[in-house]
Amino acid sequence: MVIKNNQVKSAVKSNQPTLNCYVIDLKTFEDFIQVAHLLKTKQGNSNLYQYQGHYYLELTFNDRLTKFEQDKVKDQLSLAYEYGHKSSIQPSTLKNHGKLIMKNNALAQGRYYFH
């Protein structure tokens, strides 16, 4: 049996987890600091952007979370929505037009620098 290169790429891609991304619109940097101290999730990644006078927290989780981890993510999002709201702005818009303030582990960086 001969496996072509594009078949290997397809197989590798299908094993990759898909990402669930949430963008939270925060009016002030202080709102971000409050959220950073509340959310201590280890299941995902976080980036902080500034765009059009607002701060946007991008939270990314893979879809291979256990039921318990999924419930924790929902709880964490509920807490975050107390300080901001779900944004209709797409992550690609933030990446292309927003100013990246904190990359990859924004929540942990916020806790570290603003305790």
C-alpha atoms as a PDB file:
ATOM      1  CA  MET A   1       0.000   0.000   0.000  1.00  0.00           C
ATOM      2  CA  VAL A   2       1.347   3.409  -0.986  1.00  0.00           C
ATOM      3  CA  ILE A   3       0.405   6.408   1.125  1.00  0.00           C
ATOM      4  CA  LYS A   4       0.578   9.740  -0.602  1.00  0.00           C
ATOM      5  CA  ASN A   5       1.889  12.818   1.156  1.00  0.00           C
ATOM      6  CA  ASN A   6      -1.491  14.595   1.205  1.00  0.00           C
ATOM      7  CA  GLN A   7      -3.092  11.565   2.890  1.00  0.00           C
ATOM      8  CA  VAL A   8      -0.565  11.782   5.718  1.00  0.00           C
ATOM      9  CA  LYS A   9      -1.260  15.493   6.101  1.00  0.00           C
ATOM     10  CA  SER A  10      -5.004  14.803   6.265  1.00  0.00           C
ATOM     11  CA  ALA A  11      -4.519  12.106   8.882  1.00  0.00           C
ATOM     12  CA  VAL A  12      -2.315  14.357  10.977  1.00  0.00           C
ATOM     13  CA  LYS A  13      -4.794  17.209  10.701  1.00  0.00           C
ATOM     14  CA  SER A  14      -7.696  15.019  11.795  1.00  0.00           C
ATOM     15  CA  ASN A  15      -5.828  14.090  15.002  1.00  0.00           C
ATOM     16  CA  GLN A  16      -5.363  17.723  15.934  1.00  0.00           C
ATOM     17  CA  PRO A  17      -7.821  19.108  18.469  1.00  0.00           C
ATOM     18  CA  THR A  18     -10.030  21.925  17.291  1.00  0.00           C
ATOM     19  CA  LEU A  19      -9.909  25.132  19.263  1.00  0.00           C
ATOM     20  CA  ASN A  20     -12.815  26.873  20.932  1.00  0.00           C
ATOM     21  CA  CYS A  21     -12.154  30.579  21.113  1.00  0.00           C
ATOM     22  CA  TYR A  22     -13.973  33.173  23.211  1.00  0.00           C
ATOM     23  CA  VAL A  23     -13.410  36.923  22.982  1.00  0.00           C
ATOM     24  CA  ILE A  24     -14.416  39.008  25.983  1.00  0.00           C
ATOM     25  CA  ASP A  25     -14.817  42.771  25.619  1.00  0.00           C
ATOM     26  CA  LEU A  26     -13.466  44.589  28.679  1.00  0.00           C
ATOM     27  CA  LYS A  27     -13.952  48.348  28.950  1.00  0.00           C
ATOM     28  CA  THR A  28     -10.890  49.045  31.079  1.00  0.00           C
ATOM     29  CA  PHE A  29      -7.519  47.551  31.875  1.00  0.00           C
ATOM     30  CA  GLU A  30      -8.650  47.355  35.506  1.00  0.00           C
ATOM     31  CA  ASP A  31     -11.429  44.986  34.388  1.00  0.00           C
ATOM     32  CA  PHE A  32      -8.744  42.759  32.861  1.00  0.00           C
ATOM     33  CA  ILE A  33      -6.758  42.757  36.117  1.00  0.00           C
ATOM     34  CA  GLN A  34      -9.882  41.730  38.041  1.00  0.00           C
ATOM     35  CA  VAL A  35     -10.581  38.914  35.570  1.00  0.00           C
ATOM     36  CA  ALA A  36      -6.944  37.781  35.707  1.00  0.00           C
ATOM     37  CA  HIS A  37      -7.182  37.368  39.472  1.00  0.00           C
ATOM     38  CA  LEU A  38     -10.431  35.414  39.187  1.00  0.00           C
ATOM     39  CA  LEU A  39      -9.577  33.082  36.306  1.00  0.00           C
ATOM     40  CA  LYS A  40      -6.892  30.597  37.167  1.00  0.00           C
ATOM     41  CA  THR A  41      -7.561  28.101  34.430  1.00  0.00           C
ATOM     42  CA  LYS A  42      -4.824  25.841  33.136  1.00  0.00           C
ATOM     43  CA  GLN A  43      -6.912  24.349  30.350  1.00  0.00           C
ATOM     44  CA  GLY A  44      -6.386  27.089  27.794  1.00  0.00           C
ATOM     45  CA  ASN A  45      -4.448  29.992  26.427  1.00  0.00           C
ATOM     46  CA  SER A  46      -5.099  33.723  26.784  1.00  0.00           C
ATOM     47  CA  ASN A  47      -4.105  36.843  24.845  1.00  0.00           C
ATOM     48  CA  LEU A  48      -4.921  40.458  25.649  1.00  0.00           C
ATOM     49  CA  TYR A  49      -5.493  42.990  22.868  1.00  0.00           C
ATOM     50  CA  GLN A  50      -6.390  46.660  22.724  1.00  0.00           C
ATOM     51  CA  TYR A  51      -8.652  47.639  19.845  1.00  0.00           C
ATOM     52  CA  GLN A  52     -10.869  50.681  19.279  1.00  0.00           C
ATOM     53  CA  GLY A  53     -10.584  51.902  22.864  1.00  0.00           C
ATOM     54  CA  HIS A  54     -11.453  48.567  24.485  1.00  0.00           C
ATOM     55  CA  TYR A  55      -9.465  45.670  25.860  1.00  0.00           C
ATOM     56  CA  TYR A  56     -10.230  42.226  24.485  1.00  0.00           C
ATOM     57  CA  LEU A  57      -9.333  39.021  26.243  1.00  0.00           C
ATOM     58  CA  GLU A  58      -9.055  36.090  23.858  1.00  0.00           C
ATOM     59  CA  LEU A  59      -9.439  32.721  25.595  1.00  0.00           C
ATOM     60  CA  THR A  60      -8.698  29.564  23.630  1.00  0.00           C
ATOM     61  CA  PHE A  61      -9.451  25.995  24.720  1.00  0.00           C
ATOM     62  CA  ASN A  62      -9.096  22.747  22.804  1.00  0.00           C
ATOM     63  CA  ASP A  63     -12.107  20.490  22.347  1.00  0.00           C
ATOM     64  CA  ARG A  64     -10.497  17.494  24.040  1.00  0.00           C
ATOM     65  CA  LEU A  65     -11.377  18.543  27.548  1.00  0.00           C
ATOM     66  CA  THR A  66     -12.989  16.127  29.956  1.00  0.00           C
ATOM     67  CA  LYS A  67     -16.550  16.826  31.082  1.00  0.00           C
ATOM     68  CA  PHE A  68     -15.179  18.134  34.384  1.00  0.00           C
ATOM     69  CA  GLU A  69     -12.758  20.473  32.560  1.00  0.00           C
ATOM     70  CA  GLN A  70     -15.554  21.682  30.256  1.00  0.00           C
ATOM     71  CA  ASP A  71     -17.667  22.541  33.298  1.00  0.00           C
ATOM     72  CA  LYS A  72     -14.729  24.438  34.812  1.00  0.00           C
ATOM     73  CA  VAL A  73     -14.331  26.426  31.579  1.00  0.00           C
ATOM     74  CA  LYS A  74     -18.037  27.346  31.642  1.00  0.00           C
ATOM     75  CA  ASP A  75     -17.718  28.466  35.261  1.00  0.00           C
ATOM     76  CA  GLN A  76     -14.638  30.534  34.428  1.00  0.00           C
ATOM     77  CA  LEU A  77     -16.402  32.186  31.486  1.00  0.00           C
ATOM     78  CA  SER A  78     -19.358  33.057  33.714  1.00  0.00           C
ATOM     79  CA  LEU A  79     -16.987  34.844  36.083  1.00  0.00           C
ATOM     80  CA  ALA A  80     -15.303  36.702  33.218  1.00  0.00           C
ATOM     81  CA  TYR A  81     -18.666  37.863  31.856  1.00  0.00           C
ATOM     82  CA  GLU A  82     -19.273  39.691  35.149  1.00  0.00           C
ATOM     83  CA  TYR A  83     -16.512  42.138  34.122  1.00  0.00           C
ATOM     84  CA  GLY A  84     -17.079  42.189  30.382  1.00  0.00           C
ATOM     85  CA  HIS A  85     -19.287  40.714  27.718  1.00  0.00           C
ATOM     86  CA  LYS A  86     -18.973  38.273  24.854  1.00  0.00           C
ATOM     87  CA  SER A  87     -17.704  40.130  21.832  1.00  0.00           C
ATOM     88  CA  SER A  88     -18.756  39.699  18.224  1.00  0.00           C
ATOM     89  CA  ILE A  89     -15.254  40.725  17.109  1.00  0.00           C
ATOM     90  CA  GLN A  90     -13.393  37.814  15.580  1.00  0.00           C
ATOM     91  CA  PRO A  91      -9.940  36.766  16.835  1.00  0.00           C
ATOM     92  CA  SER A  92      -8.568  37.331  13.318  1.00  0.00           C
ATOM     93  CA  THR A  93      -9.667  40.990  13.491  1.00  0.00           C
ATOM     94  CA  LEU A  94      -7.801  41.413  16.757  1.00  0.00           C
ATOM     95  CA  LYS A  95      -4.701  39.721  15.352  1.00  0.00           C
ATOM     96  CA  ASN A  96      -4.730  41.875  12.208  1.00  0.00           C
ATOM     97  CA  HIS A  97      -5.861  45.240  13.569  1.00  0.00           C
ATOM     98  CA  GLY A  98      -5.562  45.198  17.355  1.00  0.00           C
ATOM     99  CA  LYS A  99      -2.533  45.907  19.499  1.00  0.00           C
ATOM    100  CA  LEU A 100      -1.285  42.777  21.265  1.00  0.00           C
ATOM    101  CA  ILE A 101      -0.675  43.727  24.906  1.00  0.00           C
ATOM    102  CA  MET A 102       0.044  40.306  26.441  1.00  0.00           C
ATOM    103  CA  LYS A 103       0.706  37.146  24.469  1.00  0.00           C
ATOM    104  CA  ASN A 104      -0.020  33.496  25.305  1.00  0.00           C
ATOM    105  CA  ASN A 105      -0.523  33.545  29.051  1.00  0.00           C
ATOM    106  CA  ALA A 106      -2.124  36.951  29.586  1.00  0.00           C
ATOM    107  CA  LEU A 107      -4.066  35.883  32.674  1.00  0.00           C
ATOM    108  CA  ALA A 108      -0.959  34.644  34.497  1.00  0.00           C
ATOM    109  CA  GLN A 109       0.987  37.726  33.401  1.00  0.00           C
ATOM    110  CA  GLY A 110      -1.784  39.957  34.728  1.00  0.00           C
ATOM    111  CA  ARG A 111      -1.678  38.211  38.099  1.00  0.00           C
ATOM    112  CA  TYR A 112       2.125  38.365  38.220  1.00  0.00           C
ATOM    113  CA  TYR A 113       2.575  42.036  37.331  1.00  0.00           C
ATOM    114  CA  PHE A 114      -0.549  43.461  38.991  1.00  0.00           C
ATOM    115  CA  HIS A 115      -0.958  41.653  42.312  1.00  0.00           C
END
